[in-house]
PDB file of N, CA and C in Angstrom:
ATOM      1  N   UNK A   1     -33.430 -18.265 -12.932  1.00  0.00           N
ATOM      2  CA  UNK A   1     -33.177 -19.009 -11.726  1.00  0.00           C
ATOM      3  C   UNK A   1     -34.421 -18.924 -10.834  1.00  0.00           C
ATOM      4  N   UNK A   2     -34.804 -20.049 -10.293  1.00  0.00           N
ATOM      5  CA  UNK A   2     -35.981 -20.099  -9.431  1.00  0.00           C
ATOM      6  C   UNK A   2     -35.609 -19.741  -7.997  1.00  0.00           C
ATOM      7  N   UNK A   3     -36.553 -19.173  -7.246  1.00  0.00           N
ATOM      8  CA  UNK A   3     -36.275 -18.880  -5.839  1.00  0.00           C
ATOM      9  C   UNK A   3     -35.893 -20.159  -5.086  1.00  0.00           C
ATOM     10  N   UNK A   4     -34.857 -20.080  -4.279  1.00  0.00           N
ATOM     11  CA  UNK A   4     -34.393 -21.226  -3.505  1.00  0.00           C
ATOM     12  C   UNK A   4     -33.421 -22.120  -4.247  1.00  0.00           C
ATOM     13  N   UNK A   5     -33.162 -21.842  -5.513  1.00  0.00           N
ATOM     14  CA  UNK A   5     -32.237 -22.644  -6.315  1.00  0.00           C
ATOM     15  C   UNK A   5     -30.808 -22.157  -6.078  1.00  0.00           C
ATOM     16  N   UNK A   6     -29.891 -23.077  -5.919  1.00  0.00           N
ATOM     17  CA  UNK A   6     -28.494 -22.728  -5.695  1.00  0.00           C
ATOM     18  C   UNK A   6     -27.788 -22.497  -7.022  1.00  0.00           C
ATOM     19  N   UNK A   7     -26.859 -21.573  -6.997  1.00  0.00           N
ATOM     20  CA  UNK A   7     -26.079 -21.266  -8.191  1.00  0.00           C
ATOM     21  C   UNK A   7     -24.617 -21.166  -7.787  1.00  0.00           C
ATOM     22  N   UNK A   8     -23.742 -21.783  -8.555  1.00  0.00           N
ATOM     23  CA  UNK A   8     -22.321 -21.725  -8.259  1.00  0.00           C
ATOM     24  C   UNK A   8     -21.774 -20.350  -8.632  1.00  0.00           C
ATOM     25  N   UNK A   9     -21.045 -19.763  -7.701  1.00  0.00           N
ATOM     26  CA  UNK A   9     -20.451 -18.457  -7.936  1.00  0.00           C
ATOM     27  C   UNK A   9     -19.007 -18.620  -8.379  1.00  0.00           C
ATOM     28  N   UNK A  10     -18.577 -17.765  -9.267  1.00  0.00           N
ATOM     29  CA  UNK A  10     -17.182 -17.787  -9.711  1.00  0.00           C
ATOM     30  C   UNK A  10     -16.399 -16.804  -8.871  1.00  0.00           C
ATOM     31  N   UNK A  11     -15.207 -17.212  -8.479  1.00  0.00           N
ATOM     32  CA  UNK A  11     -14.347 -16.345  -7.685  1.00  0.00           C
ATOM     33  C   UNK A  11     -13.676 -15.312  -8.564  1.00  0.00           C
ATOM     34  N   UNK A  12     -13.435 -14.159  -7.966  1.00  0.00           N
ATOM     35  CA  UNK A  12     -12.701 -13.122  -8.705  1.00  0.00           C
ATOM     36  C   UNK A  12     -11.275 -13.581  -8.915  1.00  0.00           C
ATOM     37  N   UNK A  13     -10.739 -13.252 -10.059  1.00  0.00           N
ATOM     38  CA  UNK A  13      -9.327 -13.554 -10.301  1.00  0.00           C
ATOM     39  C   UNK A  13      -8.499 -12.438  -9.706  1.00  0.00           C
ATOM     40  N   UNK A  14      -7.515 -12.816  -8.923  1.00  0.00           N
ATOM     41  CA  UNK A  14      -6.630 -11.835  -8.306  1.00  0.00           C
ATOM     42  C   UNK A  14      -5.339 -11.762  -9.101  1.00  0.00           C
ATOM     43  N   UNK A  15      -4.658 -10.662  -8.951  1.00  0.00           N
ATOM     44  CA  UNK A  15      -3.408 -10.446  -9.678  1.00  0.00           C
ATOM     45  C   UNK A  15      -2.258 -11.120  -8.952  1.00  0.00           C
ATOM     46  N   UNK A  16      -2.183 -12.434  -9.020  1.00  0.00           N
ATOM     47  CA  UNK A  16      -1.126 -13.160  -8.331  1.00  0.00           C
ATOM     48  C   UNK A  16       0.151 -13.233  -9.160  1.00  0.00           C
ATOM     49  N   UNK A  17       0.055 -12.876 -10.430  1.00  0.00           N
ATOM     50  CA  UNK A  17       1.225 -12.946 -11.289  1.00  0.00           C
ATOM     51  C   UNK A  17       2.142 -11.735 -11.096  1.00  0.00           C
ATOM     52  N   UNK A  18       1.654 -10.713 -10.428  1.00  0.00           N
ATOM     53  CA  UNK A  18       2.467  -9.517 -10.228  1.00  0.00           C
ATOM     54  C   UNK A  18       3.640  -9.806  -9.296  1.00  0.00           C
ATOM     55  N   UNK A  19       4.749  -9.187  -9.568  1.00  0.00           N
ATOM     56  CA  UNK A  19       5.946  -9.362  -8.748  1.00  0.00           C
ATOM     57  C   UNK A  19       5.881  -8.437  -7.533  1.00  0.00           C
ATOM     58  N   UNK A  20       6.822  -8.608  -6.626  1.00  0.00           N
ATOM     59  CA  UNK A  20       6.899  -7.729  -5.463  1.00  0.00           C
ATOM     60  C   UNK A  20       7.099  -6.280  -5.891  1.00  0.00           C
ATOM     61  N   UNK A  21       7.884  -6.087  -6.930  1.00  0.00           N
ATOM     62  CA  UNK A  21       8.132  -4.733  -7.423  1.00  0.00           C
ATOM     63  C   UNK A  21       6.837  -4.110  -7.959  1.00  0.00           C
ATOM     64  N   UNK A  22       6.031  -4.904  -8.659  1.00  0.00           N
ATOM     65  CA  UNK A  22       4.746  -4.410  -9.157  1.00  0.00           C
ATOM     66  C   UNK A  22       3.835  -4.012  -8.002  1.00  0.00           C
ATOM     67  N   UNK A  23       3.820  -4.852  -6.971  1.00  0.00           N
ATOM     68  CA  UNK A  23       2.984  -4.568  -5.802  1.00  0.00           C
ATOM     69  C   UNK A  23       3.482  -3.336  -5.070  1.00  0.00           C
ATOM     70  N   UNK A  24       4.805  -3.173  -4.959  1.00  0.00           N
ATOM     71  CA  UNK A  24       5.371  -1.983  -4.318  1.00  0.00           C
ATOM     72  C   UNK A  24       5.009  -0.738  -5.120  1.00  0.00           C
ATOM     73  N   UNK A  25       5.139  -0.824  -6.433  1.00  0.00           N
ATOM     74  CA  UNK A  25       4.831   0.309  -7.297  1.00  0.00           C
ATOM     75  C   UNK A  25       3.365   0.713  -7.158  1.00  0.00           C
ATOM     76  N   UNK A  26       2.469  -0.296  -7.108  1.00  0.00           N
ATOM     77  CA  UNK A  26       1.053   0.009  -6.970  1.00  0.00           C
ATOM     78  C   UNK A  26       0.770   0.623  -5.602  1.00  0.00           C
ATOM     79  N   UNK A  27       1.404   0.104  -4.532  1.00  0.00           N
ATOM     80  CA  UNK A  27       1.204   0.685  -3.205  1.00  0.00           C
ATOM     81  C   UNK A  27       1.662   2.139  -3.183  1.00  0.00           C
ATOM     82  N   UNK A  28       2.818   2.420  -3.782  1.00  0.00           N
ATOM     83  CA  UNK A  28       3.307   3.799  -3.839  1.00  0.00           C
ATOM     84  C   UNK A  28       2.317   4.688  -4.595  1.00  0.00           C
ATOM     85  N   UNK A  29       1.732   4.136  -5.648  1.00  0.00           N
ATOM     86  CA  UNK A  29       0.767   4.887  -6.447  1.00  0.00           C
ATOM     87  C   UNK A  29      -0.492   5.214  -5.632  1.00  0.00           C
ATOM     88  N   UNK A  30      -1.058   4.222  -4.944  1.00  0.00           N
ATOM     89  CA  UNK A  30      -2.280   4.483  -4.184  1.00  0.00           C
ATOM     90  C   UNK A  30      -1.992   5.345  -2.949  1.00  0.00           C
ATOM     91  N   UNK A  31      -0.785   5.227  -2.389  1.00  0.00           N
ATOM     92  CA  UNK A  31      -0.413   6.101  -1.278  1.00  0.00           C
ATOM     93  C   UNK A  31      -0.312   7.546  -1.775  1.00  0.00           C
ATOM     94  N   UNK A  32       0.245   7.731  -2.956  1.00  0.00           N
ATOM     95  CA  UNK A  32       0.301   9.066  -3.567  1.00  0.00           C
ATOM     96  C   UNK A  32      -1.085   9.613  -3.838  1.00  0.00           C
ATOM     97  N   UNK A  33      -1.996   8.743  -4.267  1.00  0.00           N
ATOM     98  CA  UNK A  33      -3.389   9.153  -4.484  1.00  0.00           C
ATOM     99  C   UNK A  33      -4.000   9.645  -3.175  1.00  0.00           C
ATOM    100  N   UNK A  34      -3.761   8.895  -2.086  1.00  0.00           N
ATOM    101  CA  UNK A  34      -4.318   9.265  -0.786  1.00  0.00           C
ATOM    102  C   UNK A  34      -3.745  10.596  -0.303  1.00  0.00           C
ATOM    103  N   UNK A  35      -2.457  10.819  -0.543  1.00  0.00           N
ATOM    104  CA  UNK A  35      -1.836  12.083  -0.154  1.00  0.00           C
ATOM    105  C   UNK A  35      -2.442  13.230  -0.957  1.00  0.00           C
ATOM    106  N   UNK A  36      -2.576  13.031  -2.272  1.00  0.00           N
ATOM    107  CA  UNK A  36      -3.095  14.071  -3.155  1.00  0.00           C
ATOM    108  C   UNK A  36      -4.548  14.419  -2.916  1.00  0.00           C
ATOM    109  N   UNK A  37      -5.337  13.456  -2.439  1.00  0.00           N
ATOM    110  CA  UNK A  37      -6.763  13.703  -2.215  1.00  0.00           C
ATOM    111  C   UNK A  37      -7.089  13.893  -0.738  1.00  0.00           C
ATOM    112  N   UNK A  38      -6.058  13.971   0.103  1.00  0.00           N
ATOM    113  CA  UNK A  38      -6.196  14.177   1.540  1.00  0.00           C
ATOM    114  C   UNK A  38      -7.065  13.099   2.199  1.00  0.00           C
ATOM    115  N   UNK A  39      -6.800  11.843   1.850  1.00  0.00           N
ATOM    116  CA  UNK A  39      -7.497  10.701   2.441  1.00  0.00           C
ATOM    117  C   UNK A  39      -6.623  10.092   3.526  1.00  0.00           C
ATOM    118  N   UNK A  40      -7.195   9.145   4.253  1.00  0.00           N
ATOM    119  CA  UNK A  40      -6.420   8.414   5.252  1.00  0.00           C
ATOM    120  C   UNK A  40      -5.669   7.273   4.574  1.00  0.00           C
ATOM    121  N   UNK A  41      -4.643   6.793   5.236  1.00  0.00           N
ATOM    122  CA  UNK A  41      -3.815   5.717   4.690  1.00  0.00           C
ATOM    123  C   UNK A  41      -4.658   4.457   4.479  1.00  0.00           C
ATOM    124  N   UNK A  42      -5.660   4.253   5.327  1.00  0.00           N
ATOM    125  CA  UNK A  42      -6.534   3.092   5.193  1.00  0.00           C
ATOM    126  C   UNK A  42      -7.266   3.066   3.862  1.00  0.00           C
ATOM    127  N   UNK A  43      -7.587   4.235   3.309  1.00  0.00           N
ATOM    128  CA  UNK A  43      -8.253   4.293   2.011  1.00  0.00           C
ATOM    129  C   UNK A  43      -7.338   3.736   0.921  1.00  0.00           C
ATOM    130  N   UNK A  44      -6.052   4.042   1.016  1.00  0.00           N
ATOM    131  CA  UNK A  44      -5.085   3.495   0.061  1.00  0.00           C
ATOM    132  C   UNK A  44      -4.985   1.983   0.220  1.00  0.00           C
ATOM    133  N   UNK A  45      -5.019   1.517   1.470  1.00  0.00           N
ATOM    134  CA  UNK A  45      -4.940   0.075   1.728  1.00  0.00           C
ATOM    135  C   UNK A  45      -6.139  -0.647   1.140  1.00  0.00           C
ATOM    136  N   UNK A  46      -7.312  -0.038   1.200  1.00  0.00           N
ATOM    137  CA  UNK A  46      -8.495  -0.674   0.620  1.00  0.00           C
ATOM    138  C   UNK A  46      -8.405  -0.718  -0.906  1.00  0.00           C
ATOM    139  N   UNK A  47      -7.819   0.291  -1.510  1.00  0.00           N
ATOM    140  CA  UNK A  47      -7.602   0.231  -2.970  1.00  0.00           C
ATOM    141  C   UNK A  47      -6.638  -0.897  -3.324  1.00  0.00           C
ATOM    142  N   UNK A  48      -5.602  -1.061  -2.502  1.00  0.00           N
ATOM    143  CA  UNK A  48      -4.652  -2.163  -2.706  1.00  0.00           C
ATOM    144  C   UNK A  48      -5.392  -3.497  -2.571  1.00  0.00           C
ATOM    145  N   UNK A  49      -6.243  -3.599  -1.551  1.00  0.00           N
ATOM    146  CA  UNK A  49      -6.988  -4.837  -1.326  1.00  0.00           C
ATOM    147  C   UNK A  49      -7.945  -5.131  -2.479  1.00  0.00           C
ATOM    148  N   UNK A  50      -8.549  -4.093  -3.064  1.00  0.00           N
ATOM    149  CA  UNK A  50      -9.441  -4.294  -4.208  1.00  0.00           C
ATOM    150  C   UNK A  50      -8.702  -4.951  -5.371  1.00  0.00           C
ATOM    151  N   UNK A  51      -7.434  -4.594  -5.530  1.00  0.00           N
ATOM    152  CA  UNK A  51      -6.668  -5.153  -6.650  1.00  0.00           C
ATOM    153  C   UNK A  51      -6.073  -6.520  -6.332  1.00  0.00           C
ATOM    154  N   UNK A  52      -5.522  -6.696  -5.122  1.00  0.00           N
ATOM    155  CA  UNK A  52      -4.787  -7.919  -4.799  1.00  0.00           C
ATOM    156  C   UNK A  52      -5.515  -8.877  -3.862  1.00  0.00           C
ATOM    157  N   UNK A  53      -6.648  -8.467  -3.305  1.00  0.00           N
ATOM    158  CA  UNK A  53      -7.416  -9.361  -2.450  1.00  0.00           C
ATOM    159  C   UNK A  53      -6.954  -9.421  -1.009  1.00  0.00           C
ATOM    160  N   UNK A  54      -5.860  -8.763  -0.688  1.00  0.00           N
ATOM    161  CA  UNK A  54      -5.333  -8.711   0.687  1.00  0.00           C
ATOM    162  C   UNK A  54      -4.834  -7.289   0.943  1.00  0.00           C
ATOM    163  N   UNK A  55      -4.722  -6.957   2.230  1.00  0.00           N
ATOM    164  CA  UNK A  55      -4.136  -5.664   2.574  1.00  0.00           C
ATOM    165  C   UNK A  55      -2.631  -5.731   2.323  1.00  0.00           C
ATOM    166  N   UNK A  56      -1.958  -4.587   2.186  1.00  0.00           N
ATOM    167  CA  UNK A  56      -0.519  -4.596   1.885  1.00  0.00           C
ATOM    168  C   UNK A  56       0.264  -5.417   2.909  1.00  0.00           C
ATOM    169  N   UNK A  57       1.061  -6.373   2.445  1.00  0.00           N
ATOM    170  CA  UNK A  57       1.826  -7.230   3.360  1.00  0.00           C
ATOM    171  C   UNK A  57       3.057  -6.520   3.916  1.00  0.00           C
ATOM    172  N   UNK A  58       3.721  -7.196   4.845  1.00  0.00           N
ATOM    173  CA  UNK A  58       4.861  -6.598   5.551  1.00  0.00           C
ATOM    174  C   UNK A  58       6.059  -6.318   4.648  1.00  0.00           C
ATOM    175  N   UNK A  59       6.200  -7.032   3.530  1.00  0.00           N
ATOM    176  CA  UNK A  59       7.385  -6.810   2.691  1.00  0.00           C
ATOM    177  C   UNK A  59       7.274  -5.550   1.830  1.00  0.00           C
ATOM    178  N   UNK A  60       6.106  -4.935   1.794  1.00  0.00           N
ATOM    179  CA  UNK A  60       5.928  -3.685   1.063  1.00  0.00           C
ATOM    180  C   UNK A  60       6.463  -2.549   1.939  1.00  0.00           C
ATOM    181  N   UNK A  61       7.263  -1.658   1.361  1.00  0.00           N
ATOM    182  CA  UNK A  61       7.806  -0.530   2.124  1.00  0.00           C
ATOM    183  C   UNK A  61       6.736   0.532   2.325  1.00  0.00           C
ATOM    184  N   UNK A  62       6.881   1.285   3.403  1.00  0.00           N
ATOM    185  CA  UNK A  62       5.992   2.399   3.737  1.00  0.00           C
ATOM    186  C   UNK A  62       4.562   1.964   4.026  1.00  0.00           C
ATOM    187  N   UNK A  63       4.415   0.787   4.615  1.00  0.00           N
ATOM    188  CA  UNK A  63       3.097   0.330   5.058  1.00  0.00           C
ATOM    189  C   UNK A  63       2.969   0.708   6.527  1.00  0.00           C
ATOM    190  N   UNK A  64       1.867   1.332   6.906  1.00  0.00           N
ATOM    191  CA  UNK A  64       1.700   1.750   8.298  1.00  0.00           C
ATOM    192  C   UNK A  64       1.696   0.581   9.266  1.00  0.00           C
ATOM    193  N   UNK A  65       2.046   0.866  10.492  1.00  0.00           N
ATOM    194  CA  UNK A  65       2.020  -0.112  11.578  1.00  0.00           C
ATOM    195  C   UNK A  65       0.992   0.337  12.601  1.00  0.00           C
ATOM    196  N   UNK A  66       0.228  -0.550  13.109  1.00  0.00           N
ATOM    197  CA  UNK A  66      -0.780  -0.371  14.175  1.00  0.00           C
ATOM    198  C   UNK A  66      -1.553   0.944  14.078  1.00  0.00           C
ATOM    199  N   UNK A  67      -1.289   1.894  14.967  1.00  0.00           N
ATOM    200  CA  UNK A  67      -2.093   3.119  15.045  1.00  0.00           C
ATOM    201  C   UNK A  67      -1.884   4.058  13.854  1.00  0.00           C
ATOM    202  N   UNK A  68      -0.872   3.824  13.052  1.00  0.00           N
ATOM    203  CA  UNK A  68      -0.614   4.699  11.901  1.00  0.00           C
ATOM    204  C   UNK A  68      -1.680   4.568  10.824  1.00  0.00           C
ATOM    205  N   UNK A  69      -2.489   3.515  10.874  1.00  0.00           N
ATOM    206  CA  UNK A  69      -3.527   3.323   9.856  1.00  0.00           C
ATOM    207  C   UNK A  69      -4.569   4.428   9.892  1.00  0.00           C
ATOM    208  N   UNK A  70      -4.748   5.060  11.032  1.00  0.00           N
ATOM    209  CA  UNK A  70      -5.764   6.101  11.143  1.00  0.00           C
ATOM    210  C   UNK A  70      -5.258   7.482  10.743  1.00  0.00           C
ATOM    211  N   UNK A  71      -3.981   7.579  10.429  1.00  0.00           N
ATOM    212  CA  UNK A  71      -3.389   8.873  10.083  1.00  0.00           C
ATOM    213  C   UNK A  71      -3.846   9.331   8.702  1.00  0.00           C
ATOM    214  N   UNK A  72      -3.923  10.647   8.547  1.00  0.00           N
ATOM    215  CA  UNK A  72      -4.108  11.190   7.205  1.00  0.00           C
ATOM    216  C   UNK A  72      -2.849  10.846   6.414  1.00  0.00           C
ATOM    217  N   UNK A  73      -2.984  10.620   5.127  1.00  0.00           N
ATOM    218  CA  UNK A  73      -1.843  10.192   4.317  1.00  0.00           C
ATOM    219  C   UNK A  73      -0.734  11.244   4.307  1.00  0.00           C
ATOM    220  N   UNK A  74      -1.103  12.525   4.295  1.00  0.00           N
ATOM    221  CA  UNK A  74      -0.079  13.578   4.309  1.00  0.00           C
ATOM    222  C   UNK A  74       0.727  13.549   5.602  1.00  0.00           C
ATOM    223  N   UNK A  75       0.028  13.333   6.719  1.00  0.00           N
ATOM    224  CA  UNK A  75       0.702  13.242   8.011  1.00  0.00           C
ATOM    225  C   UNK A  75       1.608  12.011   8.057  1.00  0.00           C
ATOM    226  N   UNK A  76       1.124  10.892   7.526  1.00  0.00           N
ATOM    227  CA  UNK A  76       1.920   9.667   7.477  1.00  0.00           C
ATOM    228  C   UNK A  76       3.190   9.890   6.656  1.00  0.00           C
ATOM    229  N   UNK A  77       3.055  10.563   5.522  1.00  0.00           N
ATOM    230  CA  UNK A  77       4.215  10.844   4.682  1.00  0.00           C
ATOM    231  C   UNK A  77       5.216  11.727   5.434  1.00  0.00           C
ATOM    232  N   UNK A  78       4.712  12.780   6.067  1.00  0.00           N
ATOM    233  CA  UNK A  78       5.582  13.739   6.759  1.00  0.00           C
ATOM    234  C   UNK A  78       6.279  13.108   7.973  1.00  0.00           C
ATOM    235  N   UNK A  79       5.562  12.262   8.709  1.00  0.00           N
ATOM    236  CA  UNK A  79       6.105  11.717   9.961  1.00  0.00           C
ATOM    237  C   UNK A  79       6.843  10.391   9.800  1.00  0.00           C
ATOM    238  N   UNK A  80       6.527   9.624   8.760  1.00  0.00           N
ATOM    239  CA  UNK A  80       7.100   8.280   8.630  1.00  0.00           C
ATOM    240  C   UNK A  80       7.937   8.124   7.367  1.00  0.00           C
ATOM    241  N   UNK A  81       7.353   8.394   6.222  1.00  0.00           N
ATOM    242  CA  UNK A  81       8.027   8.118   4.948  1.00  0.00           C
ATOM    243  C   UNK A  81       9.209   9.050   4.721  1.00  0.00           C
ATOM    244  N   UNK A  82       9.001  10.340   4.905  1.00  0.00           N
ATOM    245  CA  UNK A  82      10.060  11.310   4.642  1.00  0.00           C
ATOM    246  C   UNK A  82      11.291  11.087   5.526  1.00  0.00           C
ATOM    247  N   UNK A  83      11.132  10.864   6.852  1.00  0.00           N
ATOM    248  CA  UNK A  83      12.317  10.571   7.675  1.00  0.00           C
ATOM    249  C   UNK A  83      13.047   9.295   7.248  1.00  0.00           C
ATOM    250  N   UNK A  84      12.291   8.279   6.812  1.00  0.00           N
ATOM    251  CA  UNK A  84      12.935   7.048   6.330  1.00  0.00           C
ATOM    252  C   UNK A  84      13.760   7.334   5.084  1.00  0.00           C
ATOM    253  N   UNK A  85      13.221   8.149   4.184  1.00  0.00           N
ATOM    254  CA  UNK A  85      13.949   8.495   2.964  1.00  0.00           C
ATOM    255  C   UNK A  85      15.205   9.291   3.286  1.00  0.00           C
ATOM    256  N   UNK A  86      15.108  10.206   4.250  1.00  0.00           N
ATOM    257  CA  UNK A  86      16.272  11.009   4.636  1.00  0.00           C
ATOM    258  C   UNK A  86      17.361  10.127   5.241  1.00  0.00           C
ATOM    259  N   UNK A  87      16.980   9.174   6.079  1.00  0.00           N
ATOM    260  CA  UNK A  87      17.959   8.258   6.680  1.00  0.00           C
ATOM    261  C   UNK A  87      18.633   7.406   5.613  1.00  0.00           C
ATOM    262  N   UNK A  88      17.861   6.930   4.663  1.00  0.00           N
ATOM    263  CA  UNK A  88      18.422   6.130   3.577  1.00  0.00           C
ATOM    264  C   UNK A  88      19.382   6.972   2.730  1.00  0.00           C
ATOM    265  N   UNK A  89      19.000   8.214   2.468  1.00  0.00           N
ATOM    266  CA  UNK A  89      19.853   9.104   1.679  1.00  0.00           C
ATOM    267  C   UNK A  89      21.192   9.328   2.386  1.00  0.00           C
ATOM    268  N   UNK A  90      21.154   9.547   3.717  1.00  0.00           N
ATOM    269  CA  UNK A  90      22.387   9.735   4.481  1.00  0.00           C
ATOM    270  C   UNK A  90      23.269   8.501   4.415  1.00  0.00           C
ATOM    271  N   UNK A  91      22.643   7.357   4.551  1.00  0.00           N
ATOM    272  CA  UNK A  91      23.393   6.094   4.506  1.00  0.00           C
ATOM    273  C   UNK A  91      24.057   5.905   3.144  1.00  0.00           C
ATOM    274  N   UNK A  92      23.333   6.200   2.084  1.00  0.00           N
ATOM    275  CA  UNK A  92      23.890   6.059   0.739  1.00  0.00           C
ATOM    276  C   UNK A  92      25.017   7.054   0.490  1.00  0.00           C
ATOM    277  N   UNK A  93      24.857   8.266   0.991  1.00  0.00           N
ATOM    278  CA  UNK A  93      25.918   9.280   0.839  1.00  0.00           C
ATOM    279  C   UNK A  93      27.174   8.863   1.601  1.00  0.00           C
ATOM    280  N   UNK A  94      26.986   8.292   2.791  1.00  0.00           N
ATOM    281  CA  UNK A  94      28.138   7.821   3.575  1.00  0.00           C
ATOM    282  C   UNK A  94      28.871   6.702   2.850  1.00  0.00           C
ATOM    283  N   UNK A  95      28.117   5.776   2.246  1.00  0.00           N
ATOM    284  CA  UNK A  95      28.724   4.689   1.484  1.00  0.00           C
ATOM    285  C   UNK A  95      29.443   5.227   0.245  1.00  0.00           C
ATOM    286  N   UNK A  96      28.871   6.250  -0.375  1.00  0.00           N
ATOM    287  CA  UNK A  96      29.458   6.821  -1.589  1.00  0.00           C
ATOM    288  C   UNK A  96      30.783   7.515  -1.271  1.00  0.00           C
ATOM    289  N   UNK A  97      30.855   8.156  -0.114  1.00  0.00           N
ATOM    290  CA  UNK A  97      32.054   8.920   0.269  1.00  0.00           C
ATOM    291  C   UNK A  97      33.183   8.046   0.790  1.00  0.00           C
ATOM    292  N   UNK A  98      32.935   6.803   1.078  1.00  0.00           N
ATOM    293  CA  UNK A  98      33.976   5.920   1.600  1.00  0.00           C
ATOM    294  C   UNK A  98      34.925   5.479   0.535  1.00  0.00           C
TER     295      UNK A  98
END
């Protein structure tokens, strides 16, 4: 290619064929990676973006909101994810006992 010559670039193919469940599973996986390596939640979001081309959307569970993006992943799990799981467990137990 000569200097100043234009060349058409090919776009990266994104994983658009994946289902919501696949995307949720991958988000859970990268969030677990961030917790295990003591990274911030934003690092997990960037790994998600590398695969899907966008940051985790609102329909994915356990996605941080606003200021939570700066939290360490372990802190996010302890303060946000774990209480949500406990509330869901209580709700399911109440439904089971009825």
